[in-house]
Amino acid sequence: MTDSKLKENKQFSTAIIVLGLLLAIGMASAAFILGVQAKRAVSGQQSITVKGLAEKPIKADSAEWTITVGVTQPTQAAALESLATERKVVEAFLVKQGFASETWSADVETIGPHYEEVFVKDIPRQVQNGFDAYQNIRVTSQDLTKIAAANKAFLQLRAENHPVTAQSPNYLVGNLEAIKMSLIADATKNARSRATEFVKQDGVKVGVMKSASQGAFYILPVGGDAGDDSYGGVYDKSTIDKIARVVVTIVYNIE
């Protein structure tokens, strides 16, 4: 092989080595840059979404009880007179049960035609026969034991054929907003504890809160279920002893 040929081969080999070194350096630099960018992208987007739950037992502190008097008479005047008589019977009953007159109020009387179904040639028809008159008497008290006892004793009025009906008492909680705020604070703590438990195996920690939202607010009977109503919440009014429950959803940054 001639000297010129050897020189040419040597130059070609050197060029190949230099090119390989440049490619290796370029690839390493690119990998480093991409790695840093990827790390930054991941760290900027990492978050965790958790739900926090808090609940506590509460008691109703007041009650509303509605009694309805309803009569039927041939004329409007007779219906109103009969209604007034029966209302006095209810008021005497309430006094006997220990309620002061300021604890109840009477709605305005309602009167309208009374219809009965009759058959004309085997065809049913609604025919007016007199008038119906109604009036609601609403009792409000913080003495829940007295309300419950009166609701049981009310059966005696019906047994004596007085035209009266009564709804079940509504047992209410007066400080709902304070209860809700207390539960939201507890539910937020519960959410952070859950988030911390989820990520502790990954060598990272829970950072600042990115967003938070309150879910439904429940007032449930003891042992009761919220069911499928997770949007508007539930407010049980049938029991004195209740459970208040709040759910929050919180998004935390991960550091």
C-alpha atoms as a PDB file:
ATOM      1  CA  MET A   1       0.000   0.000   0.000  1.00  0.00           C
ATOM      2  CA  THR A   2       1.328   3.412  -0.939  1.00  0.00           C
ATOM      3  CA  ASP A   3       2.104   6.159   1.563  1.00  0.00           C
ATOM      4  CA  SER A   4      -0.702   8.326   0.199  1.00  0.00           C
ATOM      5  CA  LYS A   5      -3.206   5.512   0.679  1.00  0.00           C
ATOM      6  CA  LEU A   6      -2.089   4.930   4.292  1.00  0.00           C
ATOM      7  CA  LYS A   7      -2.363   8.616   5.032  1.00  0.00           C
ATOM      8  CA  GLU A   8      -5.873   8.737   3.593  1.00  0.00           C
ATOM      9  CA  ASN A   9      -7.046   5.767   5.711  1.00  0.00           C
ATOM     10  CA  LYS A  10      -5.564   7.302   8.852  1.00  0.00           C
ATOM     11  CA  GLN A  11      -7.372  10.576   8.234  1.00  0.00           C
ATOM     12  CA  PHE A  12     -10.646   8.722   7.663  1.00  0.00           C
ATOM     13  CA  SER A  13     -10.318   6.761  10.938  1.00  0.00           C
ATOM     14  CA  THR A  14      -9.574   9.935  12.882  1.00  0.00           C
ATOM     15  CA  ALA A  15     -12.664  11.591  11.419  1.00  0.00           C
ATOM     16  CA  ILE A  16     -14.809   8.626  12.434  1.00  0.00           C
ATOM     17  CA  ILE A  17     -13.493   8.758  16.014  1.00  0.00           C
ATOM     18  CA  VAL A  18     -14.097  12.502  16.286  1.00  0.00           C
ATOM     19  CA  LEU A  19     -17.598  12.145  14.859  1.00  0.00           C
ATOM     20  CA  GLY A  20     -18.384   9.383  17.375  1.00  0.00           C
ATOM     21  CA  LEU A  21     -17.169  11.521  20.241  1.00  0.00           C
ATOM     22  CA  LEU A  22     -19.258  14.472  19.077  1.00  0.00           C
ATOM     23  CA  LEU A  23     -22.349  12.290  18.743  1.00  0.00           C
ATOM     24  CA  ALA A  24     -21.853  10.819  22.239  1.00  0.00           C
ATOM     25  CA  ILE A  25     -21.424  14.258  23.774  1.00  0.00           C
ATOM     26  CA  GLY A  26     -24.495  15.530  21.919  1.00  0.00           C
ATOM     27  CA  MET A  27     -26.648  12.601  23.000  1.00  0.00           C
ATOM     28  CA  ALA A  28     -25.532  12.941  26.620  1.00  0.00           C
ATOM     29  CA  SER A  29     -26.293  16.652  26.601  1.00  0.00           C
ATOM     30  CA  ALA A  30     -29.691  16.078  25.030  1.00  0.00           C
ATOM     31  CA  ALA A  31     -30.517  13.381  27.552  1.00  0.00           C
ATOM     32  CA  PHE A  32     -29.541  15.684  30.425  1.00  0.00           C
ATOM     33  CA  ILE A  33     -31.620  18.568  29.079  1.00  0.00           C
ATOM     34  CA  LEU A  34     -34.631  16.359  28.419  1.00  0.00           C
ATOM     35  CA  GLY A  35     -34.267  14.758  31.844  1.00  0.00           C
ATOM     36  CA  VAL A  36     -34.273  18.125  33.569  1.00  0.00           C
ATOM     37  CA  GLN A  37     -37.286  19.284  31.555  1.00  0.00           C
ATOM     38  CA  ALA A  38     -39.148  16.070  32.238  1.00  0.00           C
ATOM     39  CA  LYS A  39     -38.386  16.337  35.935  1.00  0.00           C
ATOM     40  CA  ARG A  40     -39.610  19.891  35.999  1.00  0.00           C
ATOM     41  CA  ALA A  41     -42.760  18.972  34.092  1.00  0.00           C
ATOM     42  CA  VAL A  42     -43.549  16.100  36.393  1.00  0.00           C
ATOM     43  CA  SER A  43     -42.843  18.064  39.566  1.00  0.00           C
ATOM     44  CA  GLY A  44     -45.052  20.905  38.329  1.00  0.00           C
ATOM     45  CA  GLN A  45     -47.996  18.652  37.597  1.00  0.00           C
ATOM     46  CA  GLN A  46     -47.907  16.148  40.446  1.00  0.00           C
ATOM     47  CA  SER A  47     -50.886  16.359  42.750  1.00  0.00           C
ATOM     48  CA  ILE A  48     -53.184  14.130  44.736  1.00  0.00           C
ATOM     49  CA  THR A  49     -56.945  14.391  45.164  1.00  0.00           C
ATOM     50  CA  VAL A  50     -58.490  13.059  48.356  1.00  0.00           C
ATOM     51  CA  LYS A  51     -61.801  13.200  50.186  1.00  0.00           C
ATOM     52  CA  GLY A  52     -61.986  14.119  53.848  1.00  0.00           C
ATOM     53  CA  LEU A  53     -64.796  12.994  56.138  1.00  0.00           C
ATOM     54  CA  ALA A  54     -65.930  14.296  59.510  1.00  0.00           C
ATOM     55  CA  GLU A  55     -69.004  13.504  61.579  1.00  0.00           C
ATOM     56  CA  LYS A  56     -70.266  13.928  65.130  1.00  0.00           C
ATOM     57  CA  PRO A  57     -73.415  13.253  67.149  1.00  0.00           C
ATOM     58  CA  ILE A  58     -75.804  16.165  67.663  1.00  0.00           C
ATOM     59  CA  LYS A  59     -79.225  16.702  69.215  1.00  0.00           C
ATOM     60  CA  ALA A  60     -82.252  18.648  68.065  1.00  0.00           C
ATOM     61  CA  ASP A  61     -82.896  21.734  70.194  1.00  0.00           C
ATOM     62  CA  SER A  62     -86.422  22.643  69.051  1.00  0.00           C
ATOM     63  CA  ALA A  63     -89.495  21.064  67.504  1.00  0.00           C
ATOM     64  CA  GLU A  64     -92.359  22.085  65.222  1.00  0.00           C
ATOM     65  CA  TRP A  65     -95.654  20.223  65.336  1.00  0.00           C
ATOM     66  CA  THR A  66     -98.623  20.878  63.040  1.00  0.00           C
ATOM     67  CA  ILE A  67    -102.208  19.944  63.914  1.00  0.00           C
ATOM     68  CA  THR A  68    -104.922  20.246  61.253  1.00  0.00           C
ATOM     69  CA  VAL A  69    -108.616  20.716  61.977  1.00  0.00           C
ATOM     70  CA  GLY A  70    -110.959  19.855  59.114  1.00  0.00           C
ATOM     71  CA  VAL A  71    -114.789  19.945  59.084  1.00  0.00           C
ATOM     72  CA  THR A  72    -117.586  19.531  56.563  1.00  0.00           C
ATOM     73  CA  GLN A  73    -120.914  21.370  56.892  1.00  0.00           C
ATOM     74  CA  PRO A  74    -123.849  22.219  54.592  1.00  0.00           C
ATOM     75  CA  THR A  75    -123.049  25.950  54.443  1.00  0.00           C
ATOM     76  CA  GLN A  76    -119.938  28.106  54.635  1.00  0.00           C
ATOM     77  CA  ALA A  77    -121.147  29.796  57.801  1.00  0.00           C
ATOM     78  CA  ALA A  78    -121.776  26.467  59.496  1.00  0.00           C
ATOM     79  CA  ALA A  79    -118.357  25.188  58.369  1.00  0.00           C
ATOM     80  CA  LEU A  80    -116.581  28.212  59.865  1.00  0.00           C
ATOM     81  CA  GLU A  81    -118.555  27.927  63.103  1.00  0.00           C
ATOM     82  CA  SER A  82    -117.784  24.235  63.441  1.00  0.00           C
ATOM     83  CA  LEU A  83    -114.127  24.905  62.670  1.00  0.00           C
ATOM     84  CA  ALA A  84    -113.920  27.499  65.449  1.00  0.00           C
ATOM     85  CA  THR A  85    -115.473  25.054  67.919  1.00  0.00           C
ATOM     86  CA  GLU A  86    -113.013  22.294  67.068  1.00  0.00           C
ATOM     87  CA  ARG A  87    -110.083  24.694  67.195  1.00  0.00           C
ATOM     88  CA  LYS A  88    -111.010  25.529  70.800  1.00  0.00           C
ATOM     89  CA  VAL A  89    -110.948  21.802  71.570  1.00  0.00           C
ATOM     90  CA  VAL A  90    -107.401  21.597  70.206  1.00  0.00           C
ATOM     91  CA  GLU A  91    -106.292  24.668  72.134  1.00  0.00           C
ATOM     92  CA  ALA A  92    -107.715  23.206  75.382  1.00  0.00           C
ATOM     93  CA  PHE A  93    -105.797  20.008  74.636  1.00  0.00           C
ATOM     94  CA  LEU A  94    -102.551  21.959  74.190  1.00  0.00           C
ATOM     95  CA  VAL A  95    -103.060  23.806  77.472  1.00  0.00           C
ATOM     96  CA  LYS A  96    -103.676  20.478  79.200  1.00  0.00           C
ATOM     97  CA  GLN A  97    -100.374  19.216  77.764  1.00  0.00           C
ATOM     98  CA  GLY A  98     -98.572  22.154  79.341  1.00  0.00           C
ATOM     99  CA  PHE A  99     -98.104  24.470  76.339  1.00  0.00           C
ATOM    100  CA  ALA A 100     -98.522  28.210  76.850  1.00  0.00           C
ATOM    101  CA  SER A 101    -100.645  30.037  74.286  1.00  0.00           C
ATOM    102  CA  GLU A 102     -97.605  31.882  72.859  1.00  0.00           C
ATOM    103  CA  THR A 103     -96.111  28.559  71.763  1.00  0.00           C
ATOM    104  CA  TRP A 104     -98.712  28.022  69.054  1.00  0.00           C
ATOM    105  CA  SER A 105    -100.255  29.971  66.187  1.00  0.00           C
ATOM    106  CA  ALA A 106    -103.212  29.348  63.873  1.00  0.00           C
ATOM    107  CA  ASP A 107    -103.118  29.797  60.103  1.00  0.00           C
ATOM    108  CA  VAL A 108    -105.933  31.576  58.283  1.00  0.00           C
ATOM    109  CA  GLU A 109    -108.999  29.383  57.728  1.00  0.00           C
ATOM    110  CA  THR A 110    -109.388  27.752  54.333  1.00  0.00           C
ATOM    111  CA  ILE A 111    -112.844  26.986  52.960  1.00  0.00           C
ATOM    112  CA  GLY A 112    -114.003  25.377  49.729  1.00  0.00           C
ATOM    113  CA  PRO A 113    -116.684  23.192  48.181  1.00  0.00           C
ATOM    114  CA  HIS A 114    -117.029  19.628  49.392  1.00  0.00           C
ATOM    115  CA  TYR A 115    -117.433  17.076  46.583  1.00  0.00           C
ATOM    116  CA  GLU A 116    -118.809  13.571  46.775  1.00  0.00           C
ATOM    117  CA  GLU A 117    -118.806  10.886  44.136  1.00  0.00           C
ATOM    118  CA  VAL A 118    -122.253   9.761  42.978  1.00  0.00           C
ATOM    119  CA  PHE A 119    -123.287   7.408  40.213  1.00  0.00           C
ATOM    120  CA  VAL A 120    -125.722   8.521  37.539  1.00  0.00           C
ATOM    121  CA  LYS A 121    -126.693   5.606  35.283  1.00  0.00           C
ATOM    122  CA  ASP A 122    -123.556   3.776  36.453  1.00  0.00           C
ATOM    123  CA  ILE A 123    -121.372   6.738  35.528  1.00  0.00           C
ATOM    124  CA  PRO A 124    -119.402   8.307  38.438  1.00  0.00           C
ATOM    125  CA  ARG A 125    -119.733  12.036  38.918  1.00  0.00           C
ATOM    126  CA  GLN A 126    -118.340  14.576  41.398  1.00  0.00           C
ATOM    127  CA  VAL A 127    -121.215  16.485  42.963  1.00  0.00           C
ATOM    128  CA  GLN A 128    -120.891  19.320  45.472  1.00  0.00           C
ATOM    129  CA  ASN A 129    -122.456  18.610  48.837  1.00  0.00           C
ATOM    130  CA  GLY A 130    -121.649  21.299  51.386  1.00  0.00           C
ATOM    131  CA  PHE A 131    -118.318  22.931  52.235  1.00  0.00           C
ATOM    132  CA  ASP A 132    -114.967  21.908  53.707  1.00  0.00           C
ATOM    133  CA  ALA A 133    -113.122  24.173  56.133  1.00  0.00           C
ATOM    134  CA  TYR A 134    -109.535  23.637  57.321  1.00  0.00           C
ATOM    135  CA  GLN A 135    -107.132  25.321  59.695  1.00  0.00           C
ATOM    136  CA  ASN A 136    -103.567  24.481  60.757  1.00  0.00           C
ATOM    137  CA  ILE A 137    -102.334  25.064  64.289  1.00  0.00           C
ATOM    138  CA  ARG A 138     -98.535  25.160  64.512  1.00  0.00           C
ATOM    139  CA  VAL A 139     -96.817  24.424  67.806  1.00  0.00           C
ATOM    140  CA  THR A 140     -93.179  25.411  68.374  1.00  0.00           C
ATOM    141  CA  SER A 141     -91.283  24.442  71.500  1.00  0.00           C
ATOM    142  CA  GLN A 142     -87.814  23.734  72.821  1.00  0.00           C
ATOM    143  CA  ASP A 143     -89.276  21.223  75.267  1.00  0.00           C
ATOM    144  CA  LEU A 144     -88.846  18.132  73.095  1.00  0.00           C
ATOM    145  CA  THR A 145     -90.078  15.737  75.759  1.00  0.00           C
ATOM    146  CA  LYS A 146     -93.330  17.661  76.035  1.00  0.00           C
ATOM    147  CA  ILE A 147     -93.800  17.631  72.242  1.00  0.00           C
ATOM    148  CA  ALA A 148     -93.252  13.866  72.071  1.00  0.00           C
ATOM    149  CA  ALA A 149     -95.715  13.253  74.924  1.00  0.00           C
ATOM    150  CA  ALA A 150     -98.377  15.487  73.349  1.00  0.00           C
ATOM    151  CA  ASN A 151     -97.986  13.691  70.026  1.00  0.00           C
ATOM    152  CA  LYS A 152     -98.815  10.392  71.753  1.00  0.00           C
ATOM    153  CA  ALA A 153    -101.706  11.851  73.765  1.00  0.00           C
ATOM    154  CA  PHE A 154    -103.178  13.331  70.578  1.00  0.00           C
ATOM    155  CA  LEU A 155    -104.597   9.930  69.672  1.00  0.00           C
ATOM    156  CA  GLN A 156    -107.207  10.441  72.377  1.00  0.00           C
ATOM    157  CA  LEU A 157    -108.687  13.392  70.474  1.00  0.00           C
ATOM    158  CA  ARG A 158    -109.136  11.244  67.409  1.00  0.00           C
ATOM    159  CA  ALA A 159    -110.611   8.465  69.530  1.00  0.00           C
ATOM    160  CA  GLU A 160    -113.222  10.977  70.706  1.00  0.00           C
ATOM    161  CA  ASN A 161    -114.205  11.556  67.040  1.00  0.00           C
ATOM    162  CA  HIS A 162    -112.822  15.056  66.738  1.00  0.00           C
ATOM    163  CA  PRO A 163    -111.991  15.895  63.080  1.00  0.00           C
ATOM    164  CA  VAL A 164    -108.298  16.465  63.668  1.00  0.00           C
ATOM    165  CA  THR A 165    -105.040  15.108  62.275  1.00  0.00           C
ATOM    166  CA  ALA A 166    -101.418  15.753  63.212  1.00  0.00           C
ATOM    167  CA  GLN A 167     -98.130  15.418  61.413  1.00  0.00           C
ATOM    168  CA  SER A 168     -95.173  13.816  63.121  1.00  0.00           C
ATOM    169  CA  PRO A 169     -93.108  16.463  64.946  1.00  0.00           C
ATOM    170  CA  ASN A 170     -90.152  17.971  63.128  1.00  0.00           C
ATOM    171  CA  TYR A 171     -87.100  17.943  65.401  1.00  0.00           C
ATOM    172  CA  LEU A 172     -84.776  20.751  64.320  1.00  0.00           C
ATOM    173  CA  VAL A 173     -81.167  21.806  64.952  1.00  0.00           C
ATOM    174  CA  GLY A 174     -80.693  25.541  65.442  1.00  0.00           C
ATOM    175  CA  ASN A 175     -76.909  26.025  65.096  1.00  0.00           C
ATOM    176  CA  LEU A 176     -76.410  24.234  61.784  1.00  0.00           C
ATOM    177  CA  GLU A 177     -73.910  26.760  60.383  1.00  0.00           C
ATOM    178  CA  ALA A 178     -71.607  26.467  63.403  1.00  0.00           C
ATOM    179  CA  ILE A 179     -71.814  22.677  63.211  1.00  0.00           C
ATOM    180  CA  LYS A 180     -71.010  22.733  59.508  1.00  0.00           C
ATOM    181  CA  MET A 181     -67.948  24.981  59.930  1.00  0.00           C
ATOM    182  CA  SER A 182     -66.598  22.783  62.725  1.00  0.00           C
ATOM    183  CA  LEU A 183     -67.015  19.683  60.597  1.00  0.00           C
ATOM    184  CA  ILE A 184     -65.367  21.293  57.563  1.00  0.00           C
ATOM    185  CA  ALA A 185     -62.264  22.008  59.673  1.00  0.00           C
ATOM    186  CA  ASP A 186     -62.162  18.408  60.892  1.00  0.00           C
ATOM    187  CA  ALA A 187     -62.786  17.017  57.403  1.00  0.00           C
ATOM    188  CA  THR A 188     -59.901  19.122  56.031  1.00  0.00           C
ATOM    189  CA  LYS A 189     -57.548  17.645  58.634  1.00  0.00           C
ATOM    190  CA  ASN A 190     -58.807  14.184  57.727  1.00  0.00           C
ATOM    191  CA  ALA A 191     -58.118  14.835  54.039  1.00  0.00           C
ATOM    192  CA  ARG A 192     -54.484  15.827  54.693  1.00  0.00           C
ATOM    193  CA  SER A 193     -53.973  12.749  56.866  1.00  0.00           C
ATOM    194  CA  ARG A 194     -55.303  10.551  54.080  1.00  0.00           C
ATOM    195  CA  ALA A 195     -53.097  12.242  51.486  1.00  0.00           C
ATOM    196  CA  THR A 196     -50.030  11.829  53.718  1.00  0.00           C
ATOM    197  CA  GLU A 197     -50.802   8.141  54.207  1.00  0.00           C
ATOM    198  CA  PHE A 198     -51.175   7.607  50.458  1.00  0.00           C
ATOM    199  CA  VAL A 199     -47.779   9.092  49.497  1.00  0.00           C
ATOM    200  CA  LYS A 200     -45.542   8.161  52.438  1.00  0.00           C
ATOM    201  CA  GLN A 201     -44.230   5.039  50.648  1.00  0.00           C
ATOM    202  CA  ASP A 202     -43.052   7.076  47.621  1.00  0.00           C
ATOM    203  CA  GLY A 203     -40.517   9.291  49.362  1.00  0.00           C
ATOM    204  CA  VAL A 204     -42.493  12.461  48.720  1.00  0.00           C
ATOM    205  CA  LYS A 205     -44.594  14.703  50.928  1.00  0.00           C
ATOM    206  CA  VAL A 206     -47.888  16.515  50.707  1.00  0.00           C
ATOM    207  CA  GLY A 207     -47.501  20.184  49.796  1.00  0.00           C
ATOM    208  CA  VAL A 208     -49.862  23.124  49.749  1.00  0.00           C
ATOM    209  CA  MET A 209     -53.551  22.874  48.973  1.00  0.00           C
ATOM    210  CA  LYS A 210     -54.378  23.634  45.336  1.00  0.00           C
ATOM    211  CA  SER A 211     -58.155  23.549  45.547  1.00  0.00           C
ATOM    212  CA  ALA A 212     -60.927  22.471  47.876  1.00  0.00           C
ATOM    213  CA  SER A 213     -64.672  21.951  47.610  1.00  0.00           C
ATOM    214  CA  GLN A 214     -67.364  20.993  50.076  1.00  0.00           C
ATOM    215  CA  GLY A 215     -69.592  18.078  49.266  1.00  0.00           C
ATOM    216  CA  ALA A 216     -72.971  17.332  50.764  1.00  0.00           C
ATOM    217  CA  PHE A 217     -73.872  18.213  54.349  1.00  0.00           C
ATOM    218  CA  TYR A 218     -75.823  15.463  56.073  1.00  0.00           C
ATOM    219  CA  ILE A 219     -78.017  15.477  59.161  1.00  0.00           C
ATOM    220  CA  LEU A 220     -78.879  11.800  59.604  1.00  0.00           C
ATOM    221  CA  PRO A 221     -80.702   9.706  62.171  1.00  0.00           C
ATOM    222  CA  VAL A 222     -78.345   7.654  64.318  1.00  0.00           C
ATOM    223  CA  GLY A 223     -77.416   4.618  62.244  1.00  0.00           C
ATOM    224  CA  GLY A 224     -79.001   6.170  59.165  1.00  0.00           C
ATOM    225  CA  ASP A 225     -77.645   6.083  55.631  1.00  0.00           C
ATOM    226  CA  ALA A 226     -77.153   9.062  53.337  1.00  0.00           C
ATOM    227  CA  GLY A 227     -78.346   6.960  50.406  1.00  0.00           C
ATOM    228  CA  ASP A 228     -77.698   8.210  46.877  1.00  0.00           C
ATOM    229  CA  ASP A 229     -78.317  11.877  47.609  1.00  0.00           C
ATOM    230  CA  SER A 230     -74.694  13.033  47.536  1.00  0.00           C
ATOM    231  CA  TYR A 231     -75.379  16.454  46.016  1.00  0.00           C
ATOM    232  CA  GLY A 232     -77.992  18.269  48.055  1.00  0.00           C
ATOM    233  CA  GLY A 233     -77.428  16.466  51.327  1.00  0.00           C
ATOM    234  CA  VAL A 234     -79.974  15.118  53.784  1.00  0.00           C
ATOM    235  CA  TYR A 235     -81.716  16.778  56.735  1.00  0.00           C
ATOM    236  CA  ASP A 236     -83.454  14.283  58.989  1.00  0.00           C
ATOM    237  CA  LYS A 237     -86.221  15.916  61.060  1.00  0.00           C
ATOM    238  CA  SER A 238     -87.830  12.788  62.438  1.00  0.00           C
ATOM    239  CA  THR A 239     -85.437  12.081  65.327  1.00  0.00           C
ATOM    240  CA  ILE A 240     -84.019  13.988  68.287  1.00  0.00           C
ATOM    241  CA  ASP A 241     -80.616  12.264  68.254  1.00  0.00           C
ATOM    242  CA  LYS A 242     -78.803  12.744  64.958  1.00  0.00           C
ATOM    243  CA  ILE A 243     -75.443  12.450  63.217  1.00  0.00           C
ATOM    244  CA  ALA A 244     -73.958  15.446  61.367  1.00  0.00           C
ATOM    245  CA  ARG A 245     -71.594  14.607  58.505  1.00  0.00           C
ATOM    246  CA  VAL A 246     -69.554  16.603  55.994  1.00  0.00           C
ATOM    247  CA  VAL A 247     -67.425  15.445  53.055  1.00  0.00           C
ATOM    248  CA  VAL A 248     -64.789  17.670  51.407  1.00  0.00           C
ATOM    249  CA  THR A 249     -62.668  17.102  48.291  1.00  0.00           C
ATOM    250  CA  ILE A 250     -59.147  18.601  48.345  1.00  0.00           C
ATOM    251  CA  VAL A 251     -56.317  18.650  45.792  1.00  0.00           C
ATOM    252  CA  TYR A 252     -52.766  18.908  47.229  1.00  0.00           C
ATOM    253  CA  ASN A 253     -49.443  19.501  45.495  1.00  0.00           C
ATOM    254  CA  ILE A 254     -46.885  16.727  45.897  1.00  0.00           C
ATOM    255  CA  GLU A 255     -43.320  17.801  46.726  1.00  0.00           C
END
